[in-house]
């Protein structure tokens, strides 16, 4: 086994454990990925996108999708049999 790193912060341990469970990864891998991202940002890599920028980007994508949805003559009713009401 390699060298060990002891983390004495209950909050840091809980965050790492929660992320590991959510992403189905070992805690060690979660810590490695976080440290790699931190090092990359420090070296002038991509900065994490702030919440407002993320929302703007998603809204723009959704607006583009809506444009294409309205171009169609397709109606949701076309998916159902008019006599039975069941999916066609």
PDB file of N, CA and C in Angstrom:
ATOM      1  N   UNK A   1       0.844  -1.177   0.000  1.00  0.00           N
ATOM      2  CA  UNK A   1       0.000   0.000   0.000  1.00  0.00           C
ATOM      3  C   UNK A   1       0.887   1.237   0.000  1.00  0.00           C
ATOM      4  N   UNK A   2       0.430   2.270  -0.704  1.00  0.00           N
ATOM      5  CA  UNK A   2       1.178   3.518  -0.757  1.00  0.00           C
ATOM      6  C   UNK A   2       1.068   4.299   0.528  1.00  0.00           C
ATOM      7  N   UNK A   3       1.595   5.476   0.506  1.00  0.00           N
ATOM      8  CA  UNK A   3       1.534   6.343   1.680  1.00  0.00           C
ATOM      9  C   UNK A   3       0.097   6.760   1.935  1.00  0.00           C
ATOM     10  N   UNK A   4      -0.216   6.992   3.171  1.00  0.00           N
ATOM     11  CA  UNK A   4      -1.568   7.374   3.545  1.00  0.00           C
ATOM     12  C   UNK A   4      -1.660   8.860   3.837  1.00  0.00           C
ATOM     13  N   UNK A   5      -2.836   9.384   3.603  1.00  0.00           N
ATOM     14  CA  UNK A   5      -3.138  10.775   3.912  1.00  0.00           C
ATOM     15  C   UNK A   5      -4.286  10.759   4.907  1.00  0.00           C
ATOM     16  N   UNK A   6      -4.079  11.362   6.044  1.00  0.00           N
ATOM     17  CA  UNK A   6      -5.128  11.408   7.062  1.00  0.00           C
ATOM     18  C   UNK A   6      -5.850  12.740   6.984  1.00  0.00           C
ATOM     19  N   UNK A   7      -7.152  12.667   6.832  1.00  0.00           N
ATOM     20  CA  UNK A   7      -7.976  13.875   6.777  1.00  0.00           C
ATOM     21  C   UNK A   7      -8.733  13.954   8.091  1.00  0.00           C
ATOM     22  N   UNK A   8      -8.499  15.005   8.835  1.00  0.00           N
ATOM     23  CA  UNK A   8      -9.075  15.120  10.170  1.00  0.00           C
ATOM     24  C   UNK A   8     -10.338  15.974  10.198  1.00  0.00           C
ATOM     25  N   UNK A   9     -10.802  16.364   9.048  1.00  0.00           N
ATOM     26  CA  UNK A   9     -12.012  17.188   8.968  1.00  0.00           C
ATOM     27  C   UNK A   9     -13.221  16.286   8.722  1.00  0.00           C
ATOM     28  N   UNK A  10     -14.172  16.330   9.644  1.00  0.00           N
ATOM     29  CA  UNK A  10     -15.390  15.534   9.471  1.00  0.00           C
ATOM     30  C   UNK A  10     -16.162  15.980   8.227  1.00  0.00           C
ATOM     31  N   UNK A  11     -16.175  17.272   7.982  1.00  0.00           N
ATOM     32  CA  UNK A  11     -16.894  17.797   6.817  1.00  0.00           C
ATOM     33  C   UNK A  11     -16.258  17.318   5.512  1.00  0.00           C
ATOM     34  N   UNK A  12     -14.921  17.372   5.424  1.00  0.00           N
ATOM     35  CA  UNK A  12     -14.223  16.919   4.222  1.00  0.00           C
ATOM     36  C   UNK A  12     -14.458  15.426   4.000  1.00  0.00           C
ATOM     37  N   UNK A  13     -14.414  14.647   5.078  1.00  0.00           N
ATOM     38  CA  UNK A  13     -14.633  13.212   4.966  1.00  0.00           C
ATOM     39  C   UNK A  13     -16.049  12.926   4.488  1.00  0.00           C
ATOM     40  N   UNK A  14     -17.022  13.657   5.045  1.00  0.00           N
ATOM     41  CA  UNK A  14     -18.417  13.449   4.667  1.00  0.00           C
ATOM     42  C   UNK A  14     -18.663  13.829   3.205  1.00  0.00           C
ATOM     43  N   UNK A  15     -18.087  14.954   2.769  1.00  0.00           N
ATOM     44  CA  UNK A  15     -18.237  15.371   1.372  1.00  0.00           C
ATOM     45  C   UNK A  15     -17.643  14.351   0.418  1.00  0.00           C
ATOM     46  N   UNK A  16     -16.440  13.874   0.746  1.00  0.00           N
ATOM     47  CA  UNK A  16     -15.785  12.880  -0.110  1.00  0.00           C
ATOM     48  C   UNK A  16     -16.593  11.592  -0.159  1.00  0.00           C
ATOM     49  N   UNK A  17     -17.102  11.157   0.984  1.00  0.00           N
ATOM     50  CA  UNK A  17     -17.891   9.923   1.032  1.00  0.00           C
ATOM     51  C   UNK A  17     -19.191  10.079   0.243  1.00  0.00           C
ATOM     52  N   UNK A  18     -19.840  11.233   0.365  1.00  0.00           N
ATOM     53  CA  UNK A  18     -21.091  11.476  -0.357  1.00  0.00           C
ATOM     54  C   UNK A  18     -20.863  11.465  -1.866  1.00  0.00           C
ATOM     55  N   UNK A  19     -19.812  12.152  -2.309  1.00  0.00           N
ATOM     56  CA  UNK A  19     -19.500  12.179  -3.738  1.00  0.00           C
ATOM     57  C   UNK A  19     -19.120  10.795  -4.248  1.00  0.00           C
ATOM     58  N   UNK A  20     -18.360  10.069  -3.461  1.00  0.00           N
ATOM     59  CA  UNK A  20     -17.953   8.726  -3.862  1.00  0.00           C
ATOM     60  C   UNK A  20     -19.179   7.838  -4.054  1.00  0.00           C
ATOM     61  N   UNK A  21     -20.122   7.926  -3.145  1.00  0.00           N
ATOM     62  CA  UNK A  21     -21.330   7.110  -3.258  1.00  0.00           C
ATOM     63  C   UNK A  21     -22.164   7.535  -4.464  1.00  0.00           C
ATOM     64  N   UNK A  22     -22.312   8.843  -4.631  1.00  0.00           N
ATOM     65  CA  UNK A  22     -23.127   9.368  -5.732  1.00  0.00           C
ATOM     66  C   UNK A  22     -22.553   8.990  -7.096  1.00  0.00           C
ATOM     67  N   UNK A  23     -21.224   8.967  -7.202  1.00  0.00           N
ATOM     68  CA  UNK A  23     -20.573   8.684  -8.485  1.00  0.00           C
ATOM     69  C   UNK A  23     -20.072   7.252  -8.589  1.00  0.00           C
ATOM     70  N   UNK A  24     -20.358   6.461  -7.561  1.00  0.00           N
ATOM     71  CA  UNK A  24     -19.957   5.053  -7.544  1.00  0.00           C
ATOM     72  C   UNK A  24     -18.450   4.894  -7.786  1.00  0.00           C
ATOM     73  N   UNK A  25     -17.684   5.673  -7.035  1.00  0.00           N
ATOM     74  CA  UNK A  25     -16.220   5.634  -7.126  1.00  0.00           C
ATOM     75  C   UNK A  25     -15.654   5.511  -5.721  1.00  0.00           C
ATOM     76  N   UNK A  26     -14.440   5.002  -5.601  1.00  0.00           N
ATOM     77  CA  UNK A  26     -13.803   4.982  -4.276  1.00  0.00           C
ATOM     78  C   UNK A  26     -13.488   6.412  -3.807  1.00  0.00           C
ATOM     79  N   UNK A  27     -13.482   6.609  -2.511  1.00  0.00           N
ATOM     80  CA  UNK A  27     -13.182   7.920  -1.938  1.00  0.00           C
ATOM     81  C   UNK A  27     -11.817   8.407  -2.421  1.00  0.00           C
ATOM     82  N   UNK A  28     -10.855   7.507  -2.502  1.00  0.00           N
ATOM     83  CA  UNK A  28      -9.513   7.892  -2.956  1.00  0.00           C
ATOM     84  C   UNK A  28      -9.566   8.512  -4.344  1.00  0.00           C
ATOM     85  N   UNK A  29     -10.353   7.929  -5.249  1.00  0.00           N
ATOM     86  CA  UNK A  29     -10.443   8.459  -6.618  1.00  0.00           C
ATOM     87  C   UNK A  29     -11.112   9.840  -6.616  1.00  0.00           C
ATOM     88  N   UNK A  30     -12.115  10.017  -5.779  1.00  0.00           N
ATOM     89  CA  UNK A  30     -12.785  11.319  -5.676  1.00  0.00           C
ATOM     90  C   UNK A  30     -11.792  12.385  -5.227  1.00  0.00           C
ATOM     91  N   UNK A  31     -10.981  12.071  -4.224  1.00  0.00           N
ATOM     92  CA  UNK A  31      -9.980  13.025  -3.718  1.00  0.00           C
ATOM     93  C   UNK A  31      -8.945  13.314  -4.808  1.00  0.00           C
ATOM     94  N   UNK A  32      -8.493  12.282  -5.519  1.00  0.00           N
ATOM     95  CA  UNK A  32      -7.524  12.487  -6.599  1.00  0.00           C
ATOM     96  C   UNK A  32      -8.079  13.420  -7.672  1.00  0.00           C
ATOM     97  N   UNK A  33      -9.334  13.173  -8.094  1.00  0.00           N
ATOM     98  CA  UNK A  33      -9.937  14.000  -9.140  1.00  0.00           C
ATOM     99  C   UNK A  33     -10.105  15.449  -8.680  1.00  0.00           C
ATOM    100  N   UNK A  34     -10.465  15.637  -7.435  1.00  0.00           N
ATOM    101  CA  UNK A  34     -10.621  16.991  -6.909  1.00  0.00           C
ATOM    102  C   UNK A  34      -9.272  17.715  -6.884  1.00  0.00           C
ATOM    103  N   UNK A  35      -8.246  17.031  -6.448  1.00  0.00           N
ATOM    104  CA  UNK A  35      -6.921  17.648  -6.396  1.00  0.00           C
ATOM    105  C   UNK A  35      -6.390  17.940  -7.803  1.00  0.00           C
ATOM    106  N   UNK A  36      -6.653  17.043  -8.755  1.00  0.00           N
ATOM    107  CA  UNK A  36      -6.237  17.278 -10.140  1.00  0.00           C
ATOM    108  C   UNK A  36      -6.944  18.501 -10.718  1.00  0.00           C
ATOM    109  N   UNK A  37      -8.245  18.635 -10.443  1.00  0.00           N
ATOM    110  CA  UNK A  37      -9.002  19.793 -10.934  1.00  0.00           C
ATOM    111  C   UNK A  37      -8.484  21.081 -10.307  1.00  0.00           C
ATOM    112  N   UNK A  38      -8.155  21.025  -9.024  1.00  0.00           N
ATOM    113  CA  UNK A  38      -7.629  22.191  -8.325  1.00  0.00           C
ATOM    114  C   UNK A  38      -6.281  22.597  -8.932  1.00  0.00           C
ATOM    115  N   UNK A  39      -5.423  21.621  -9.175  1.00  0.00           N
ATOM    116  CA  UNK A  39      -4.104  21.906  -9.757  1.00  0.00           C
ATOM    117  C   UNK A  39      -4.243  22.479 -11.159  1.00  0.00           C
ATOM    118  N   UNK A  40      -5.154  21.939 -11.950  1.00  0.00           N
ATOM    119  CA  UNK A  40      -5.368  22.433 -13.316  1.00  0.00           C
ATOM    120  C   UNK A  40      -5.845  23.885 -13.292  1.00  0.00           C
ATOM    121  N   UNK A  41      -6.790  24.194 -12.408  1.00  0.00           N
ATOM    122  CA  UNK A  41      -7.303  25.561 -12.303  1.00  0.00           C
ATOM    123  C   UNK A  41      -6.195  26.515 -11.865  1.00  0.00           C
ATOM    124  N   UNK A  42      -5.347  26.052 -10.968  1.00  0.00           N
ATOM    125  CA  UNK A  42      -4.256  26.886 -10.468  1.00  0.00           C
ATOM    126  C   UNK A  42      -3.235  27.179 -11.562  1.00  0.00           C
ATOM    127  N   UNK A  43      -3.087  26.269 -12.518  1.00  0.00           N
ATOM    128  CA  UNK A  43      -2.131  26.442 -13.612  1.00  0.00           C
ATOM    129  C   UNK A  43      -2.742  27.191 -14.794  1.00  0.00           C
ATOM    130  N   UNK A  44      -3.915  27.758 -14.571  1.00  0.00           N
ATOM    131  CA  UNK A  44      -4.536  28.535 -15.639  1.00  0.00           C
ATOM    132  C   UNK A  44      -5.450  27.698 -16.505  1.00  0.00           C
ATOM    133  N   UNK A  45      -5.831  26.535 -16.051  1.00  0.00           N
ATOM    134  CA  UNK A  45      -6.760  25.705 -16.797  1.00  0.00           C
ATOM    135  C   UNK A  45      -8.155  26.265 -16.699  1.00  0.00           C
ATOM    136  N   UNK A  46      -9.096  25.465 -17.076  1.00  0.00           N
ATOM    137  CA  UNK A  46     -10.485  25.903 -17.052  1.00  0.00           C
ATOM    138  C   UNK A  46     -10.945  26.165 -15.627  1.00  0.00           C
ATOM    139  N   UNK A  47     -11.485  27.344 -15.431  1.00  0.00           N
ATOM    140  CA  UNK A  47     -12.078  27.670 -14.141  1.00  0.00           C
ATOM    141  C   UNK A  47     -13.471  27.062 -14.093  1.00  0.00           C
ATOM    142  N   UNK A  48     -13.914  26.629 -12.942  1.00  0.00           N
ATOM    143  CA  UNK A  48     -15.268  26.112 -12.849  1.00  0.00           C
ATOM    144  C   UNK A  48     -16.277  27.188 -13.231  1.00  0.00           C
ATOM    145  N   UNK A  49     -17.296  26.800 -13.957  1.00  0.00           N
ATOM    146  CA  UNK A  49     -18.315  27.729 -14.410  1.00  0.00           C
ATOM    147  C   UNK A  49     -19.188  28.138 -13.222  1.00  0.00           C
ATOM    148  N   UNK A  50     -19.458  29.419 -13.089  1.00  0.00           N
ATOM    149  CA  UNK A  50     -20.312  29.844 -11.982  1.00  0.00           C
ATOM    150  C   UNK A  50     -21.773  29.512 -12.290  1.00  0.00           C
ATOM    151  N   UNK A  51     -22.583  29.554 -11.274  1.00  0.00           N
ATOM    152  CA  UNK A  51     -23.989  29.137 -11.385  1.00  0.00           C
ATOM    153  C   UNK A  51     -24.742  29.929 -12.447  1.00  0.00           C
ATOM    154  N   UNK A  52     -24.555  31.226 -12.474  1.00  0.00           N
ATOM    155  CA  UNK A  52     -25.268  32.064 -13.438  1.00  0.00           C
ATOM    156  C   UNK A  52     -24.856  31.743 -14.871  1.00  0.00           C
ATOM    157  N   UNK A  53     -23.571  31.515 -15.089  1.00  0.00           N
ATOM    158  CA  UNK A  53     -23.102  31.163 -16.431  1.00  0.00           C
ATOM    159  C   UNK A  53     -23.670  29.815 -16.859  1.00  0.00           C
ATOM    160  N   UNK A  54     -23.740  28.883 -15.924  1.00  0.00           N
ATOM    161  CA  UNK A  54     -24.316  27.574 -16.231  1.00  0.00           C
ATOM    162  C   UNK A  54     -25.785  27.718 -16.604  1.00  0.00           C
ATOM    163  N   UNK A  55     -26.526  28.498 -15.834  1.00  0.00           N
ATOM    164  CA  UNK A  55     -27.946  28.709 -16.136  1.00  0.00           C
ATOM    165  C   UNK A  55     -28.142  29.377 -17.496  1.00  0.00           C
ATOM    166  N   UNK A  56     -27.314  30.372 -17.805  1.00  0.00           N
ATOM    167  CA  UNK A  56     -27.412  31.033 -19.112  1.00  0.00           C
ATOM    168  C   UNK A  56     -27.161  30.049 -20.245  1.00  0.00           C
ATOM    169  N   UNK A  57     -26.144  29.208 -20.063  1.00  0.00           N
ATOM    170  CA  UNK A  57     -25.798  28.224 -21.099  1.00  0.00           C
ATOM    171  C   UNK A  57     -26.943  27.232 -21.300  1.00  0.00           C
ATOM    172  N   UNK A  58     -27.536  26.730 -20.220  1.00  0.00           N
ATOM    173  CA  UNK A  58     -28.643  25.780 -20.321  1.00  0.00           C
ATOM    174  C   UNK A  58     -29.883  26.438 -20.920  1.00  0.00           C
ATOM    175  N   UNK A  59     -30.163  27.685 -20.535  1.00  0.00           N
ATOM    176  CA  UNK A  59     -31.327  28.373 -21.096  1.00  0.00           C
ATOM    177  C   UNK A  59     -31.172  28.555 -22.604  1.00  0.00           C
ATOM    178  N   UNK A  60     -29.963  28.879 -23.031  1.00  0.00           N
ATOM    179  CA  UNK A  60     -29.710  29.032 -24.467  1.00  0.00           C
ATOM    180  C   UNK A  60     -29.946  27.709 -25.194  1.00  0.00           C
ATOM    181  N   UNK A  61     -29.467  26.613 -24.634  1.00  0.00           N
ATOM    182  CA  UNK A  61     -29.680  25.303 -25.247  1.00  0.00           C
ATOM    183  C   UNK A  61     -31.163  24.938 -25.293  1.00  0.00           C
ATOM    184  N   UNK A  62     -31.876  25.226 -24.217  1.00  0.00           N
ATOM    185  CA  UNK A  62     -33.308  24.929 -24.184  1.00  0.00           C
ATOM    186  C   UNK A  62     -34.073  25.781 -25.190  1.00  0.00           C
ATOM    187  N   UNK A  63     -33.688  27.044 -25.333  1.00  0.00           N
ATOM    188  CA  UNK A  63     -34.334  27.903 -26.318  1.00  0.00           C
ATOM    189  C   UNK A  63     -34.145  27.361 -27.731  1.00  0.00           C
ATOM    190  N   UNK A  64     -32.949  26.866 -28.021  1.00  0.00           N
ATOM    191  CA  UNK A  64     -32.689  26.264 -29.333  1.00  0.00           C
ATOM    192  C   UNK A  64     -33.554  25.030 -29.546  1.00  0.00           C
ATOM    193  N   UNK A  65     -33.686  24.203 -28.525  1.00  0.00           N
ATOM    194  CA  UNK A  65     -34.533  23.012 -28.622  1.00  0.00           C
ATOM    195  C   UNK A  65     -35.986  23.391 -28.877  1.00  0.00           C
ATOM    196  N   UNK A  66     -36.466  24.403 -28.186  1.00  0.00           N
ATOM    197  CA  UNK A  66     -37.857  24.820 -28.353  1.00  0.00           C
ATOM    198  C   UNK A  66     -38.141  25.281 -29.783  1.00  0.00           C
ATOM    199  N   UNK A  67     -37.174  25.936 -30.411  1.00  0.00           N
ATOM    200  CA  UNK A  67     -37.352  26.378 -31.791  1.00  0.00           C
ATOM    201  C   UNK A  67     -37.625  25.193 -32.696  1.00  0.00           C
ATOM    202  N   UNK A  68     -36.900  24.111 -32.490  1.00  0.00           N
ATOM    203  CA  UNK A  68     -37.059  22.931 -33.336  1.00  0.00           C
ATOM    204  C   UNK A  68     -38.349  22.178 -33.034  1.00  0.00           C
ATOM    205  N   UNK A  69     -38.793  22.208 -31.804  1.00  0.00           N
ATOM    206  CA  UNK A  69     -40.040  21.537 -31.448  1.00  0.00           C
ATOM    207  C   UNK A  69     -41.229  22.200 -32.129  1.00  0.00           C
ATOM    208  N   UNK A  70     -41.193  23.501 -32.260  1.00  0.00           N
ATOM    209  CA  UNK A  70     -42.310  24.238 -32.845  1.00  0.00           C
ATOM    210  C   UNK A  70     -42.338  24.152 -34.366  1.00  0.00           C
ATOM    211  N   UNK A  71     -41.273  23.656 -34.991  1.00  0.00           N
ATOM    212  CA  UNK A  71     -41.213  23.550 -36.448  1.00  0.00           C
ATOM    213  C   UNK A  71     -42.001  22.355 -36.972  1.00  0.00           C
ATOM    214  N   UNK A  72     -42.458  21.486 -36.112  1.00  0.00           N
ATOM    215  CA  UNK A  72     -43.063  20.229 -36.523  1.00  0.00           C
ATOM    216  C   UNK A  72     -44.581  20.301 -36.505  1.00  0.00           C
ATOM    217  N   UNK A  73     -45.213  19.525 -37.396  1.00  0.00           N
ATOM    218  CA  UNK A  73     -46.662  19.384 -37.388  1.00  0.00           C
ATOM    219  C   UNK A  73     -47.084  18.251 -36.468  1.00  0.00           C
ATOM    220  N   UNK A  74     -46.127  17.616 -35.825  1.00  0.00           N
ATOM    221  CA  UNK A  74     -46.387  16.479 -34.949  1.00  0.00           C
ATOM    222  C   UNK A  74     -47.165  16.927 -33.717  1.00  0.00           C
ATOM    223  N   UNK A  75     -48.188  16.127 -33.382  1.00  0.00           N
ATOM    224  CA  UNK A  75     -48.957  16.376 -32.162  1.00  0.00           C
ATOM    225  C   UNK A  75     -48.855  15.145 -31.277  1.00  0.00           C
ATOM    226  N   UNK A  76     -48.865  15.318 -29.993  1.00  0.00           N
ATOM    227  CA  UNK A  76     -48.768  14.208 -29.050  1.00  0.00           C
ATOM    228  C   UNK A  76     -49.918  13.223 -29.258  1.00  0.00           C
ATOM    229  N   UNK A  77     -51.066  13.727 -29.689  1.00  0.00           N
ATOM    230  CA  UNK A  77     -52.225  12.867 -29.923  1.00  0.00           C
ATOM    231  C   UNK A  77     -51.950  11.833 -31.018  1.00  0.00           C
ATOM    232  N   UNK A  78     -51.002  12.140 -31.920  1.00  0.00           N
ATOM    233  CA  UNK A  78     -50.670  11.208 -33.001  1.00  0.00           C
ATOM    234  C   UNK A  78     -50.085   9.903 -32.479  1.00  0.00           C
ATOM    235  N   UNK A  79     -49.621   9.884 -31.247  1.00  0.00           N
ATOM    236  CA  UNK A  79     -49.035   8.675 -30.680  1.00  0.00           C
ATOM    237  C   UNK A  79     -50.097   7.701 -30.153  1.00  0.00           C
ATOM    238  N   UNK A  80     -51.361   8.126 -30.095  1.00  0.00           N
ATOM    239  CA  UNK A  80     -52.418   7.321 -29.495  1.00  0.00           C
ATOM    240  C   UNK A  80     -53.495   6.964 -30.496  1.00  0.00           C
ATOM    241  N   UNK A  81     -54.060   5.797 -30.328  1.00  0.00           N
ATOM    242  CA  UNK A  81     -55.187   5.345 -31.132  1.00  0.00           C
ATOM    243  C   UNK A  81     -56.424   6.160 -30.709  1.00  0.00           C
ATOM    244  N   UNK A  82     -57.081   6.831 -31.649  1.00  0.00           N
ATOM    245  CA  UNK A  82     -58.216   7.686 -31.292  1.00  0.00           C
ATOM    246  C   UNK A  82     -59.411   6.907 -30.728  1.00  0.00           C
ATOM    247  N   UNK A  83     -59.536   5.637 -31.114  1.00  0.00           N
ATOM    248  CA  UNK A  83     -60.678   4.848 -30.646  1.00  0.00           C
ATOM    249  C   UNK A  83     -60.476   4.301 -29.231  1.00  0.00           C
ATOM    250  N   UNK A  84     -59.256   3.853 -28.939  1.00  0.00           N
ATOM    251  CA  UNK A  84     -59.004   3.213 -27.642  1.00  0.00           C
ATOM    252  C   UNK A  84     -58.307   4.126 -26.649  1.00  0.00           C
ATOM    253  N   UNK A  85     -57.614   5.137 -27.163  1.00  0.00           N
ATOM    254  CA  UNK A  85     -56.833   6.001 -26.277  1.00  0.00           C
ATOM    255  C   UNK A  85     -55.521   5.388 -25.860  1.00  0.00           C
ATOM    256  N   UNK A  86     -55.223   4.178 -26.383  1.00  0.00           N
ATOM    257  CA  UNK A  86     -53.962   3.491 -26.051  1.00  0.00           C
ATOM    258  C   UNK A  86     -52.879   3.901 -27.015  1.00  0.00           C
ATOM    259  N   UNK A  87     -51.624   3.694 -26.630  1.00  0.00           N
ATOM    260  CA  UNK A  87     -50.546   4.013 -27.571  1.00  0.00           C
ATOM    261  C   UNK A  87     -50.718   3.257 -28.877  1.00  0.00           C
ATOM    262  N   UNK A  88     -50.489   3.974 -29.968  1.00  0.00           N
ATOM    263  CA  UNK A  88     -50.674   3.371 -31.300  1.00  0.00           C
ATOM    264  C   UNK A  88     -49.525   2.458 -31.661  1.00  0.00           C
TER     265      UNK A  88
END
